[in-house]
């Protein structure tokens, strides 16, 4: 996926999910670690946005992100 907004906009988008977790700055990318174990990584320079973790949870998070922000397209689209 690709997200061309700001870090603050991404944080607001993730907050809409209502899922507990915390943000980390990991050098070239920002990461949100969900308490459930999934991880959202975002590279500001390219806008690349990835979600990793358990396949079912990952798919649900991507679906919810796309529903919350129509600018996002699910991977493979």
N, C-alpha and C. Protein backbone atom coordinates (compact mmCIF):
# COMPACT_ATOMS: atom_id res chain seq x y z
N UNK A 1 0.85 -1.18 0.00
CA UNK A 1 0.00 0.00 0.00
C UNK A 1 0.89 1.23 0.00
N UNK A 2 0.28 2.36 -0.28
CA UNK A 2 1.02 3.60 -0.31
C UNK A 2 0.21 4.66 0.42
N UNK A 3 0.89 5.38 1.33
CA UNK A 3 0.25 6.45 2.08
C UNK A 3 1.09 7.70 1.91
N UNK A 4 0.54 8.72 1.27
CA UNK A 4 1.29 9.94 0.97
C UNK A 4 1.03 11.08 1.95
N UNK A 5 0.33 10.82 3.04
CA UNK A 5 0.08 11.86 4.03
C UNK A 5 1.26 12.05 4.95
N UNK A 6 1.04 12.79 6.02
CA UNK A 6 2.08 13.04 7.02
C UNK A 6 2.04 11.96 8.10
N UNK A 7 3.08 11.94 8.92
CA UNK A 7 3.10 11.00 10.03
C UNK A 7 1.93 11.26 10.96
N UNK A 8 1.62 12.52 11.21
CA UNK A 8 0.50 12.85 12.08
C UNK A 8 -0.81 12.32 11.51
N UNK A 9 -0.99 12.46 10.20
CA UNK A 9 -2.21 11.93 9.55
C UNK A 9 -2.28 10.41 9.68
N UNK A 10 -1.12 9.75 9.54
CA UNK A 10 -1.10 8.29 9.69
C UNK A 10 -1.43 7.89 11.12
N UNK A 11 -0.88 8.62 12.07
CA UNK A 11 -1.19 8.32 13.48
C UNK A 11 -2.68 8.48 13.75
N UNK A 12 -3.30 9.50 13.18
CA UNK A 12 -4.74 9.70 13.35
C UNK A 12 -5.53 8.57 12.70
N UNK A 13 -5.08 8.11 11.53
CA UNK A 13 -5.73 7.00 10.84
C UNK A 13 -5.65 5.73 11.66
N UNK A 14 -4.47 5.43 12.19
CA UNK A 14 -4.30 4.23 13.01
C UNK A 14 -5.13 4.34 14.28
N UNK A 15 -5.22 5.54 14.86
CA UNK A 15 -6.02 5.73 16.07
C UNK A 15 -7.50 5.41 15.82
N UNK A 16 -7.97 5.66 14.60
CA UNK A 16 -9.36 5.36 14.26
C UNK A 16 -9.67 3.87 14.38
N UNK A 17 -8.65 3.03 14.26
CA UNK A 17 -8.86 1.59 14.38
C UNK A 17 -9.21 1.18 15.80
N UNK A 18 -8.80 2.00 16.78
CA UNK A 18 -9.11 1.70 18.18
C UNK A 18 -8.36 0.50 18.72
N UNK A 19 -7.25 0.14 18.08
CA UNK A 19 -6.46 -1.00 18.52
C UNK A 19 -5.29 -0.53 19.38
N UNK A 20 -5.07 -1.16 20.54
CA UNK A 20 -3.96 -0.74 21.40
C UNK A 20 -2.61 -1.10 20.78
N UNK A 21 -1.63 -0.27 21.08
CA UNK A 21 -0.28 -0.49 20.60
C UNK A 21 0.55 0.76 20.83
N UNK A 22 1.72 0.80 20.22
CA UNK A 22 2.60 1.96 20.41
C UNK A 22 3.44 2.20 19.16
N UNK A 23 3.87 3.45 19.01
CA UNK A 23 4.68 3.88 17.88
C UNK A 23 6.16 3.80 18.22
N UNK A 24 6.96 3.43 17.23
CA UNK A 24 8.41 3.42 17.33
C UNK A 24 8.99 4.12 16.11
N UNK A 25 10.10 4.82 16.32
CA UNK A 25 10.85 5.38 15.18
C UNK A 25 12.00 4.42 14.94
N UNK A 26 12.02 3.78 13.77
CA UNK A 26 13.01 2.75 13.46
C UNK A 26 13.94 3.21 12.34
N UNK A 27 14.58 4.34 12.53
CA UNK A 27 15.51 4.84 11.52
C UNK A 27 14.79 5.31 10.28
N UNK A 28 14.85 4.52 9.18
CA UNK A 28 14.25 4.98 7.93
C UNK A 28 12.73 4.85 7.88
N UNK A 29 12.11 4.21 8.88
CA UNK A 29 10.67 4.04 8.84
C UNK A 29 10.06 4.21 10.23
N UNK A 30 8.76 4.46 10.23
CA UNK A 30 7.97 4.54 11.46
C UNK A 30 7.22 3.24 11.61
N UNK A 31 7.03 2.81 12.83
CA UNK A 31 6.37 1.52 13.05
C UNK A 31 5.34 1.64 14.17
N UNK A 32 4.16 1.07 13.91
CA UNK A 32 3.16 0.92 14.96
C UNK A 32 3.09 -0.56 15.29
N UNK A 33 3.35 -0.88 16.55
CA UNK A 33 3.30 -2.26 17.01
C UNK A 33 1.99 -2.45 17.76
N UNK A 34 1.12 -3.26 17.17
CA UNK A 34 -0.15 -3.56 17.81
C UNK A 34 0.08 -4.52 18.97
N UNK A 35 -0.68 -4.37 20.04
CA UNK A 35 -0.55 -5.28 21.17
C UNK A 35 -0.82 -6.73 20.77
N UNK A 36 -1.55 -6.93 19.68
CA UNK A 36 -1.85 -8.28 19.19
C UNK A 36 -0.66 -8.91 18.47
N UNK A 37 0.38 -8.12 18.22
CA UNK A 37 1.59 -8.63 17.57
C UNK A 37 1.80 -8.18 16.14
N UNK A 38 0.77 -7.68 15.48
CA UNK A 38 0.92 -7.20 14.12
C UNK A 38 1.74 -5.90 14.13
N UNK A 39 2.34 -5.61 12.98
CA UNK A 39 3.17 -4.41 12.85
C UNK A 39 2.81 -3.66 11.57
N UNK A 40 2.70 -2.36 11.69
CA UNK A 40 2.48 -1.48 10.55
C UNK A 40 3.77 -0.68 10.37
N UNK A 41 4.35 -0.73 9.18
CA UNK A 41 5.58 0.01 8.89
C UNK A 41 5.31 1.01 7.78
N UNK A 42 5.86 2.21 7.95
CA UNK A 42 5.67 3.27 6.96
C UNK A 42 6.98 3.99 6.70
N UNK A 43 7.34 4.06 5.42
CA UNK A 43 8.51 4.78 4.97
C UNK A 43 8.04 6.11 4.41
N UNK A 44 8.34 7.21 5.11
CA UNK A 44 7.86 8.53 4.71
C UNK A 44 8.36 8.93 3.33
N UNK A 45 9.60 8.58 3.01
CA UNK A 45 10.19 9.00 1.73
C UNK A 45 9.45 8.47 0.53
N UNK A 46 9.05 7.21 0.58
CA UNK A 46 8.37 6.59 -0.55
C UNK A 46 6.86 6.48 -0.35
N UNK A 47 6.43 6.57 0.90
CA UNK A 47 5.01 6.40 1.21
C UNK A 47 4.61 4.95 1.38
N UNK A 48 5.58 4.02 1.22
CA UNK A 48 5.25 2.60 1.34
C UNK A 48 4.71 2.29 2.73
N UNK A 49 3.61 1.56 2.77
CA UNK A 49 2.95 1.19 4.01
C UNK A 49 2.73 -0.32 3.98
N UNK A 50 3.25 -1.01 4.98
CA UNK A 50 3.09 -2.46 5.04
C UNK A 50 2.51 -2.86 6.39
N UNK A 51 1.81 -3.98 6.39
CA UNK A 51 1.30 -4.57 7.63
C UNK A 51 1.78 -6.01 7.64
N UNK A 52 2.38 -6.42 8.76
CA UNK A 52 2.84 -7.80 8.87
C UNK A 52 2.25 -8.42 10.13
N UNK A 53 2.23 -9.74 10.14
CA UNK A 53 1.71 -10.46 11.29
C UNK A 53 0.87 -11.64 10.86
N UNK A 54 0.05 -12.12 11.76
CA UNK A 54 -0.83 -13.26 11.48
C UNK A 54 -1.69 -12.92 10.26
N UNK A 55 -1.75 -13.82 9.28
CA UNK A 55 -2.45 -13.51 8.01
C UNK A 55 -3.89 -13.03 8.18
N UNK A 56 -4.67 -13.65 9.05
CA UNK A 56 -6.07 -13.22 9.23
C UNK A 56 -6.15 -11.84 9.87
N UNK A 57 -5.34 -11.61 10.89
CA UNK A 57 -5.34 -10.30 11.56
C UNK A 57 -4.82 -9.22 10.62
N UNK A 58 -3.79 -9.56 9.86
CA UNK A 58 -3.19 -8.63 8.91
C UNK A 58 -4.23 -8.22 7.87
N UNK A 59 -4.95 -9.19 7.32
CA UNK A 59 -5.96 -8.91 6.30
C UNK A 59 -7.06 -8.02 6.86
N UNK A 60 -7.48 -8.27 8.08
CA UNK A 60 -8.52 -7.46 8.71
C UNK A 60 -8.05 -6.03 8.94
N UNK A 61 -6.81 -5.86 9.40
CA UNK A 61 -6.27 -4.52 9.62
C UNK A 61 -6.19 -3.75 8.30
N UNK A 62 -5.73 -4.40 7.25
CA UNK A 62 -5.65 -3.74 5.94
C UNK A 62 -7.04 -3.34 5.47
N UNK A 63 -7.99 -4.24 5.62
CA UNK A 63 -9.37 -3.95 5.22
C UNK A 63 -9.90 -2.73 5.97
N UNK A 64 -9.64 -2.67 7.26
CA UNK A 64 -10.12 -1.55 8.07
C UNK A 64 -9.41 -0.24 7.72
N UNK A 65 -8.11 -0.30 7.42
CA UNK A 65 -7.37 0.89 7.02
C UNK A 65 -7.91 1.44 5.71
N UNK A 66 -8.14 0.56 4.74
CA UNK A 66 -8.66 0.97 3.44
C UNK A 66 -10.06 1.57 3.59
N UNK A 67 -10.87 0.98 4.45
CA UNK A 67 -12.23 1.51 4.68
C UNK A 67 -12.18 2.89 5.33
N UNK A 68 -11.18 3.13 6.18
CA UNK A 68 -11.07 4.40 6.91
C UNK A 68 -10.46 5.51 6.05
N UNK A 69 -9.69 5.15 5.03
CA UNK A 69 -9.04 6.16 4.19
C UNK A 69 -9.13 5.71 2.72
N UNK A 70 -10.02 6.32 1.97
CA UNK A 70 -10.23 5.89 0.58
C UNK A 70 -9.02 6.12 -0.33
N UNK A 71 -8.01 6.85 0.13
CA UNK A 71 -6.78 7.03 -0.67
C UNK A 71 -5.95 5.76 -0.72
N UNK A 72 -6.15 4.86 0.24
CA UNK A 72 -5.39 3.62 0.30
C UNK A 72 -6.02 2.55 -0.58
N UNK A 73 -5.17 1.75 -1.19
CA UNK A 73 -5.63 0.60 -1.94
C UNK A 73 -4.98 -0.63 -1.32
N UNK A 74 -5.73 -1.72 -1.19
CA UNK A 74 -5.10 -2.92 -0.62
C UNK A 74 -3.97 -3.42 -1.51
N UNK A 75 -3.01 -4.13 -0.91
CA UNK A 75 -1.90 -4.66 -1.71
C UNK A 75 -2.41 -5.53 -2.86
N UNK A 76 -1.72 -5.47 -3.97
CA UNK A 76 -2.07 -6.29 -5.11
C UNK A 76 -3.16 -5.72 -5.99
N UNK A 77 -3.63 -4.51 -5.68
CA UNK A 77 -4.68 -3.88 -6.50
C UNK A 77 -4.04 -2.98 -7.52
